[in-house]
Each structure stands twice: as C-alpha cells, then as structure tokens.
Amino acid sequence: MLILTRKAGQSIRIGDDIEISVVEIKGRQARIGIKAPKGLTIHREEVFQRIKEENLRAAAMPEDIDILLAAGKRHP
C-alpha cells in the first residue's frame, strides 16, 4: 500500500484519468473529492462490500431458481 501525506487543497493522481483531492480536514475526518471518467464506478468501502456480498448471494441463486422452475413445469 502506498501511503501519502496531503494537506487540504492538495491532490494525487492515479494514471491520467483519476484525481483525488483533499477538500477539507475537520478533526479526524477528511472530505475527499474524486475526478474520474464517468464510466468508472466509485463506492465507499462499506457499500462496495455490501454489493459484493449481494452479488455472491445472487450468484448462488440459479440452482434454487432451476429447481423452482423445474417444479413449476411439473405443476401447470
């Protein structure tokens, strides 16, 4: 992990397309601004983890759906 020190108003770059700026620092919280291409999805870590968990649950469903669909074909 790369660790950088930045002050309010300073930025870092990731490649040519992403700029992360420290907008404001209040106590133990930093407000961060992100400029990135519109097609790039950006989430807070806790939201990303929830999405990931939901995707894993959804990926496990097709077996259940196949069983339900098969049962439905037997009972018109």
PDB file of N, CA and C in Angstrom:
ATOM      1  N   MET A   1       0.855  -1.177   0.000  1.00  0.00           N
ATOM      2  CA  MET A   1       0.000   0.000   0.000  1.00  0.00           C
ATOM      3  C   MET A   1       0.892   1.229   0.000  1.00  0.00           C
ATOM      4  N   LEU A   2       0.573   2.149  -0.868  1.00  0.00           N
ATOM      5  CA  LEU A   2       1.269   3.425  -0.917  1.00  0.00           C
ATOM      6  C   LEU A   2       0.573   4.374   0.052  1.00  0.00           C
ATOM      7  N   ILE A   3       1.323   5.012   0.916  1.00  0.00           N
ATOM      8  CA  ILE A   3       0.764   5.962   1.877  1.00  0.00           C
ATOM      9  C   ILE A   3       1.360   7.331   1.587  1.00  0.00           C
ATOM     10  N   LEU A   4       0.497   8.306   1.380  1.00  0.00           N
ATOM     11  CA  LEU A   4       0.917   9.666   1.068  1.00  0.00           C
ATOM     12  C   LEU A   4       0.342  10.629   2.089  1.00  0.00           C
ATOM     13  N   THR A   5       1.036  11.697   2.320  1.00  0.00           N
ATOM     14  CA  THR A   5       0.546  12.767   3.184  1.00  0.00           C
ATOM     15  C   THR A   5       0.134  13.935   2.294  1.00  0.00           C
ATOM     16  N   ARG A   6      -1.092  14.406   2.479  1.00  0.00           N
ATOM     17  CA  ARG A   6      -1.605  15.531   1.716  1.00  0.00           C
ATOM     18  C   ARG A   6      -2.299  16.491   2.666  1.00  0.00           C
ATOM     19  N   LYS A   7      -2.284  17.759   2.319  1.00  0.00           N
ATOM     20  CA  LYS A   7      -2.997  18.789   3.071  1.00  0.00           C
ATOM     21  C   LYS A   7      -4.252  19.167   2.294  1.00  0.00           C
ATOM     22  N   ALA A   8      -5.172  19.862   2.971  1.00  0.00           N
ATOM     23  CA  ALA A   8      -6.377  20.342   2.293  1.00  0.00           C
ATOM     24  C   ALA A   8      -5.978  21.163   1.075  1.00  0.00           C
ATOM     25  N   GLY A   9      -6.637  20.885  -0.034  1.00  0.00           N
ATOM     26  CA  GLY A   9      -6.332  21.593  -1.282  1.00  0.00           C
ATOM     27  C   GLY A   9      -5.319  20.863  -2.156  1.00  0.00           C
ATOM     28  N   GLN A  10      -4.661  19.847  -1.622  1.00  0.00           N
ATOM     29  CA  GLN A  10      -3.685  19.094  -2.408  1.00  0.00           C
ATOM     30  C   GLN A  10      -4.323  17.841  -2.996  1.00  0.00           C
ATOM     31  N   SER A  11      -3.699  17.319  -4.060  1.00  0.00           N
ATOM     32  CA  SER A  11      -4.267  16.186  -4.783  1.00  0.00           C
ATOM     33  C   SER A  11      -3.216  15.123  -5.049  1.00  0.00           C
ATOM     34  N   ILE A  12      -3.704  13.966  -5.463  1.00  0.00           N
ATOM     35  CA  ILE A  12      -2.838  12.922  -6.015  1.00  0.00           C
ATOM     36  C   ILE A  12      -3.485  12.470  -7.321  1.00  0.00           C
ATOM     37  N   ARG A  13      -2.679  11.866  -8.187  1.00  0.00           N
ATOM     38  CA  ARG A  13      -3.160  11.381  -9.476  1.00  0.00           C
ATOM     39  C   ARG A  13      -2.978   9.876  -9.562  1.00  0.00           C
ATOM     40  N   ILE A  14      -3.955   9.212 -10.165  1.00  0.00           N
ATOM     41  CA  ILE A  14      -3.847   7.798 -10.478  1.00  0.00           C
ATOM     42  C   ILE A  14      -3.986   7.711 -11.990  1.00  0.00           C
ATOM     43  N   GLY A  15      -2.905   7.409 -12.657  1.00  0.00           N
ATOM     44  CA  GLY A  15      -2.904   7.408 -14.120  1.00  0.00           C
ATOM     45  C   GLY A  15      -3.206   8.797 -14.647  1.00  0.00           C
ATOM     46  N   ASP A  16      -3.724   8.856 -15.874  1.00  0.00           N
ATOM     47  CA  ASP A  16      -4.044  10.142 -16.499  1.00  0.00           C
ATOM     48  C   ASP A  16      -5.455  10.610 -16.185  1.00  0.00           C
ATOM     49  N   ASP A  17      -6.316   9.688 -15.740  1.00  0.00           N
ATOM     50  CA  ASP A  17      -7.739   9.983 -15.685  1.00  0.00           C
ATOM     51  C   ASP A  17      -8.322  10.216 -14.297  1.00  0.00           C
ATOM     52  N   ILE A  18      -7.590   9.906 -13.230  1.00  0.00           N
ATOM     53  CA  ILE A  18      -8.179   9.978 -11.892  1.00  0.00           C
ATOM     54  C   ILE A  18      -7.389  10.951 -11.024  1.00  0.00           C
ATOM     55  N   GLU A  19      -8.114  11.883 -10.421  1.00  0.00           N
ATOM     56  CA  GLU A  19      -7.508  12.836  -9.486  1.00  0.00           C
ATOM     57  C   GLU A  19      -8.278  12.761  -8.170  1.00  0.00           C
ATOM     58  N   ILE A  20      -7.551  12.582  -7.089  1.00  0.00           N
ATOM     59  CA  ILE A  20      -8.150  12.544  -5.757  1.00  0.00           C
ATOM     60  C   ILE A  20      -7.633  13.753  -4.993  1.00  0.00           C
ATOM     61  N   SER A  21      -8.561  14.582  -4.509  1.00  0.00           N
ATOM     62  CA  SER A  21      -8.204  15.815  -3.825  1.00  0.00           C
ATOM     63  C   SER A  21      -8.691  15.793  -2.386  1.00  0.00           C
ATOM     64  N   VAL A  22      -7.890  16.322  -1.489  1.00  0.00           N
ATOM     65  CA  VAL A  22      -8.317  16.526  -0.110  1.00  0.00           C
ATOM     66  C   VAL A  22      -9.014  17.884  -0.096  1.00  0.00           C
ATOM     67  N   VAL A  23     -10.320  17.861   0.099  1.00  0.00           N
ATOM     68  CA  VAL A  23     -11.119  19.085   0.045  1.00  0.00           C
ATOM     69  C   VAL A  23     -11.056  19.820   1.377  1.00  0.00           C
ATOM     70  N   GLU A  24     -11.194  19.054   2.480  1.00  0.00           N
ATOM     71  CA  GLU A  24     -11.265  19.674   3.800  1.00  0.00           C
ATOM     72  C   GLU A  24     -10.895  18.640   4.853  1.00  0.00           C
ATOM     73  N   ILE A  25     -10.279  19.109   5.914  1.00  0.00           N
ATOM     74  CA  ILE A  25      -9.978  18.235   7.045  1.00  0.00           C
ATOM     75  C   ILE A  25     -10.582  18.871   8.289  1.00  0.00           C
ATOM     76  N   LYS A  26     -11.440  18.100   8.988  1.00  0.00           N
ATOM     77  CA  LYS A  26     -12.048  18.563  10.235  1.00  0.00           C
ATOM     78  C   LYS A  26     -11.832  17.481  11.265  1.00  0.00           C
ATOM     79  N   GLY A  27     -11.029  17.746  12.252  1.00  0.00           N
ATOM     80  CA  GLY A  27     -10.764  16.747  13.282  1.00  0.00           C
ATOM     81  C   GLY A  27     -10.170  15.490  12.691  1.00  0.00           C
ATOM     82  N   ARG A  28     -10.875  14.367  12.863  1.00  0.00           N
ATOM     83  CA  ARG A  28     -10.379  13.079  12.373  1.00  0.00           C
ATOM     84  C   ARG A  28     -10.989  12.685  11.026  1.00  0.00           C
ATOM     85  N   GLN A  29     -11.725  13.597  10.399  1.00  0.00           N
ATOM     86  CA  GLN A  29     -12.360  13.297   9.118  1.00  0.00           C
ATOM     87  C   GLN A  29     -11.785  14.149   8.008  1.00  0.00           C
ATOM     88  N   ALA A  30     -11.625  13.529   6.846  1.00  0.00           N
ATOM     89  CA  ALA A  30     -11.179  14.239   5.658  1.00  0.00           C
ATOM     90  C   ALA A  30     -12.277  14.145   4.606  1.00  0.00           C
ATOM     91  N   ARG A  31     -12.593  15.262   3.977  1.00  0.00           N
ATOM     92  CA  ARG A  31     -13.509  15.248   2.833  1.00  0.00           C
ATOM     93  C   ARG A  31     -12.650  15.127   1.598  1.00  0.00           C
ATOM     94  N   ILE A  32     -12.982  14.167   0.760  1.00  0.00           N
ATOM     95  CA  ILE A  32     -12.168  13.865  -0.409  1.00  0.00           C
ATOM     96  C   ILE A  32     -13.011  14.043  -1.666  1.00  0.00           C
ATOM     97  N   GLY A  33     -12.438  14.680  -2.669  1.00  0.00           N
ATOM     98  CA  GLY A  33     -13.089  14.820  -3.972  1.00  0.00           C
ATOM     99  C   GLY A  33     -12.393  13.907  -4.972  1.00  0.00           C
ATOM    100  N   ILE A  34     -13.171  13.303  -5.859  1.00  0.00           N
ATOM    101  CA  ILE A  34     -12.623  12.385  -6.845  1.00  0.00           C
ATOM    102  C   ILE A  34     -13.098  12.808  -8.228  1.00  0.00           C
ATOM    103  N   LYS A  35     -12.146  13.055  -9.133  1.00  0.00           N
ATOM    104  CA  LYS A  35     -12.454  13.297 -10.536  1.00  0.00           C
ATOM    105  C   LYS A  35     -12.027  12.049 -11.286  1.00  0.00           C
ATOM    106  N   ALA A  36     -12.988  11.424 -11.969  1.00  0.00           N
ATOM    107  CA  ALA A  36     -12.712  10.192 -12.688  1.00  0.00           C
ATOM    108  C   ALA A  36     -13.631  10.115 -13.900  1.00  0.00           C
ATOM    109  N   PRO A  37     -13.310   9.260 -14.861  1.00  0.00           N
ATOM    110  CA  PRO A  37     -14.188   9.108 -16.026  1.00  0.00           C
ATOM    111  C   PRO A  37     -15.594   8.698 -15.599  1.00  0.00           C
ATOM    112  N   LYS A  38     -16.601   9.175 -16.332  1.00  0.00           N
ATOM    113  CA  LYS A  38     -17.997   8.900 -15.972  1.00  0.00           C
ATOM    114  C   LYS A  38     -18.316   7.414 -15.912  1.00  0.00           C
ATOM    115  N   GLY A  39     -17.679   6.602 -16.713  1.00  0.00           N
ATOM    116  CA  GLY A  39     -17.964   5.186 -16.740  1.00  0.00           C
ATOM    117  C   GLY A  39     -17.363   4.409 -15.578  1.00  0.00           C
ATOM    118  N   LEU A  40     -16.544   5.046 -14.769  1.00  0.00           N
ATOM    119  CA  LEU A  40     -15.880   4.385 -13.651  1.00  0.00           C
ATOM    120  C   LEU A  40     -16.776   4.450 -12.413  1.00  0.00           C
ATOM    121  N   THR A  41     -17.057   3.297 -11.821  1.00  0.00           N
ATOM    122  CA  THR A  41     -17.894   3.238 -10.632  1.00  0.00           C
ATOM    123  C   THR A  41     -17.031   3.430  -9.392  1.00  0.00           C
ATOM    124  N   ILE A  42     -17.482   4.299  -8.492  1.00  0.00           N
ATOM    125  CA  ILE A  42     -16.748   4.583  -7.254  1.00  0.00           C
ATOM    126  C   ILE A  42     -17.703   4.404  -6.085  1.00  0.00           C
ATOM    127  N   HIS A  43     -17.289   3.613  -5.095  1.00  0.00           N
ATOM    128  CA  HIS A  43     -18.106   3.366  -3.904  1.00  0.00           C
ATOM    129  C   HIS A  43     -17.260   3.540  -2.647  1.00  0.00           C
ATOM    130  N   ARG A  44     -17.916   3.896  -1.545  1.00  0.00           N
ATOM    131  CA  ARG A  44     -17.259   3.799  -0.243  1.00  0.00           C
ATOM    132  C   ARG A  44     -17.028   2.320   0.029  1.00  0.00           C
ATOM    133  N   GLU A  45     -16.026   1.992   0.818  1.00  0.00           N
ATOM    134  CA  GLU A  45     -15.665   0.599   1.077  1.00  0.00           C
ATOM    135  C   GLU A  45     -16.831  -0.214   1.621  1.00  0.00           C
ATOM    136  N   GLU A  46     -17.584   0.337   2.594  1.00  0.00           N
ATOM    137  CA  GLU A  46     -18.673  -0.430   3.194  1.00  0.00           C
ATOM    138  C   GLU A  46     -19.790  -0.709   2.181  1.00  0.00           C
ATOM    139  N   VAL A  47     -20.028   0.216   1.259  1.00  0.00           N
ATOM    140  CA  VAL A  47     -21.028  -0.001   0.214  1.00  0.00           C
ATOM    141  C   VAL A  47     -20.525  -1.061  -0.758  1.00  0.00           C
ATOM    142  N   PHE A  48     -19.263  -0.986  -1.135  1.00  0.00           N
ATOM    143  CA  PHE A  48     -18.662  -1.969  -2.029  1.00  0.00           C
ATOM    144  C   PHE A  48     -18.772  -3.377  -1.444  1.00  0.00           C
ATOM    145  N   GLN A  49     -18.499  -3.518  -0.150  1.00  0.00           N
ATOM    146  CA  GLN A  49     -18.570  -4.828   0.491  1.00  0.00           C
ATOM    147  C   GLN A  49     -20.004  -5.369   0.480  1.00  0.00           C
ATOM    148  N   ARG A  50     -21.004  -4.495   0.712  1.00  0.00           N
ATOM    149  CA  ARG A  50     -22.401  -4.928   0.671  1.00  0.00           C
ATOM    150  C   ARG A  50     -22.794  -5.391  -0.728  1.00  0.00           C
ATOM    151  N   ILE A  51     -22.370  -4.650  -1.732  1.00  0.00           N
ATOM    152  CA  ILE A  51     -22.655  -5.032  -3.122  1.00  0.00           C
ATOM    153  C   ILE A  51     -22.015  -6.379  -3.429  1.00  0.00           C
ATOM    154  N   LYS A  52     -20.789  -6.549  -3.003  1.00  0.00           N
ATOM    155  CA  LYS A  52     -20.071  -7.801  -3.229  1.00  0.00           C
ATOM    156  C   LYS A  52     -20.801  -8.983  -2.578  1.00  0.00           C
ATOM    157  N   GLU A  53     -21.258  -8.803  -1.338  1.00  0.00           N
ATOM    158  CA  GLU A  53     -22.000  -9.848  -0.632  1.00  0.00           C
ATOM    159  C   GLU A  53     -23.311 -10.181  -1.349  1.00  0.00           C
ATOM    160  N   GLU A  54     -24.018  -9.143  -1.807  1.00  0.00           N
ATOM    161  CA  GLU A  54     -25.273  -9.362  -2.530  1.00  0.00           C
ATOM    162  C   GLU A  54     -25.018 -10.111  -3.836  1.00  0.00           C
ATOM    163  N   ASN A  55     -23.942  -9.771  -4.516  1.00  0.00           N
ATOM    164  CA  ASN A  55     -23.606 -10.460  -5.760  1.00  0.00           C
ATOM    165  C   ASN A  55     -23.297 -11.924  -5.504  1.00  0.00           C
ATOM    166  N   LEU A  56     -22.606 -12.219  -4.411  1.00  0.00           N
ATOM    167  CA  LEU A  56     -22.309 -13.609  -4.077  1.00  0.00           C
ATOM    168  C   LEU A  56     -23.591 -14.380  -3.776  1.00  0.00           C
ATOM    169  N   ARG A  57     -24.515 -13.740  -3.053  1.00  0.00           N
ATOM    170  CA  ARG A  57     -25.804 -14.387  -2.768  1.00  0.00           C
ATOM    171  C   ARG A  57     -26.592 -14.614  -4.054  1.00  0.00           C
ATOM    172  N   ALA A  58     -26.584 -13.624  -4.924  1.00  0.00           N
ATOM    173  CA  ALA A  58     -27.323 -13.751  -6.183  1.00  0.00           C
ATOM    174  C   ALA A  58     -26.713 -14.840  -7.065  1.00  0.00           C
ATOM    175  N   ALA A  59     -25.409 -14.972  -7.036  1.00  0.00           N
ATOM    176  CA  ALA A  59     -24.739 -15.991  -7.842  1.00  0.00           C
ATOM    177  C   ALA A  59     -25.103 -17.389  -7.353  1.00  0.00           C
ATOM    178  N   ALA A  60     -25.441 -17.518  -6.096  1.00  0.00           N
ATOM    179  CA  ALA A  60     -25.808 -18.817  -5.539  1.00  0.00           C
ATOM    180  C   ALA A  60     -27.258 -19.172  -5.854  1.00  0.00           C
ATOM    181  N   MET A  61     -28.052 -18.233  -6.291  1.00  0.00           N
ATOM    182  CA  MET A  61     -29.478 -18.455  -6.516  1.00  0.00           C
ATOM    183  C   MET A  61     -29.817 -19.311  -7.727  1.00  0.00           C
ATOM    184  N   PRO A  62     -29.092 -19.295  -8.834  1.00  0.00           N
ATOM    185  CA  PRO A  62     -29.552 -20.037 -10.006  1.00  0.00           C
ATOM    186  C   PRO A  62     -29.902 -21.496  -9.729  1.00  0.00           C
ATOM    187  N   GLU A  63     -29.188 -22.167  -8.855  1.00  0.00           N
ATOM    188  CA  GLU A  63     -29.528 -23.545  -8.523  1.00  0.00           C
ATOM    189  C   GLU A  63     -30.936 -23.601  -7.945  1.00  0.00           C
ATOM    190  N   ASP A  64     -31.230 -22.711  -7.032  1.00  0.00           N
ATOM    191  CA  ASP A  64     -32.561 -22.669  -6.431  1.00  0.00           C
ATOM    192  C   ASP A  64     -33.615 -22.327  -7.478  1.00  0.00           C
ATOM    193  N   ILE A  65     -33.312 -21.399  -8.353  1.00  0.00           N
ATOM    194  CA  ILE A  65     -34.255 -20.985  -9.383  1.00  0.00           C
ATOM    195  C   ILE A  65     -34.517 -22.145 -10.340  1.00  0.00           C
ATOM    196  N   ASP A  66     -33.462 -22.861 -10.734  1.00  0.00           N
ATOM    197  CA  ASP A  66     -33.639 -24.012 -11.622  1.00  0.00           C
ATOM    198  C   ASP A  66     -34.556 -25.050 -10.989  1.00  0.00           C
ATOM    199  N   ILE A  67     -34.386 -25.298  -9.704  1.00  0.00           N
ATOM    200  CA  ILE A  67     -35.240 -26.260  -9.002  1.00  0.00           C
ATOM    201  C   ILE A  67     -36.688 -25.774  -8.994  1.00  0.00           C
ATOM    202  N   LEU A  68     -36.895 -24.491  -8.705  1.00  0.00           N
ATOM    203  CA  LEU A  68     -38.248 -23.934  -8.685  1.00  0.00           C
ATOM    204  C   LEU A  68     -38.885 -23.963 -10.068  1.00  0.00           C
ATOM    205  N   LEU A  69     -38.099 -23.622 -11.097  1.00  0.00           N
ATOM    206  CA  LEU A  69     -38.629 -23.637 -12.453  1.00  0.00           C
ATOM    207  C   LEU A  69     -39.001 -25.058 -12.873  1.00  0.00           C
ATOM    208  N   ALA A  70     -38.143 -26.015 -12.525  1.00  0.00           N
ATOM    209  CA  ALA A  70     -38.429 -27.410 -12.860  1.00  0.00           C
ATOM    210  C   ALA A  70     -39.709 -27.872 -12.143  1.00  0.00           C
ATOM    211  N   ALA A  71     -39.873 -27.483 -10.911  1.00  0.00           N
ATOM    212  CA  ALA A  71     -41.067 -27.857 -10.154  1.00  0.00           C
ATOM    213  C   ALA A  71     -42.298 -27.208 -10.776  1.00  0.00           C
ATOM    214  N   GLY A  72     -42.182 -25.994 -11.248  1.00  0.00           N
ATOM    215  CA  GLY A  72     -43.289 -25.304 -11.879  1.00  0.00           C
ATOM    216  C   GLY A  72     -43.714 -25.950 -13.182  1.00  0.00           C
ATOM    217  N   LYS A  73     -42.783 -26.515 -13.913  1.00  0.00           N
ATOM    218  CA  LYS A  73     -43.113 -27.199 -15.175  1.00  0.00           C
ATOM    219  C   LYS A  73     -43.899 -28.464 -14.919  1.00  0.00           C
ATOM    220  N   ARG A  74     -43.649 -29.079 -13.763  1.00  0.00           N
ATOM    221  CA  ARG A  74     -44.356 -30.312 -13.427  1.00  0.00           C
ATOM    222  C   ARG A  74     -45.779 -30.030 -12.966  1.00  0.00           C
ATOM    223  N   HIS A  75     -45.994 -28.821 -12.418  1.00  0.00           N
ATOM    224  CA  HIS A  75     -47.312 -28.463 -11.872  1.00  0.00           C
ATOM    225  C   HIS A  75     -47.860 -27.267 -12.639  1.00  0.00           C
ATOM    226  N   PRO A  76     -48.608 -27.506 -13.722  1.00  0.00           N
ATOM    227  CA  PRO A  76     -49.111 -26.394 -14.546  1.00  0.00           C
ATOM    228  C   PRO A  76     -50.075 -25.484 -13.846  1.00  0.00           C
TER     229      PRO A  76
END
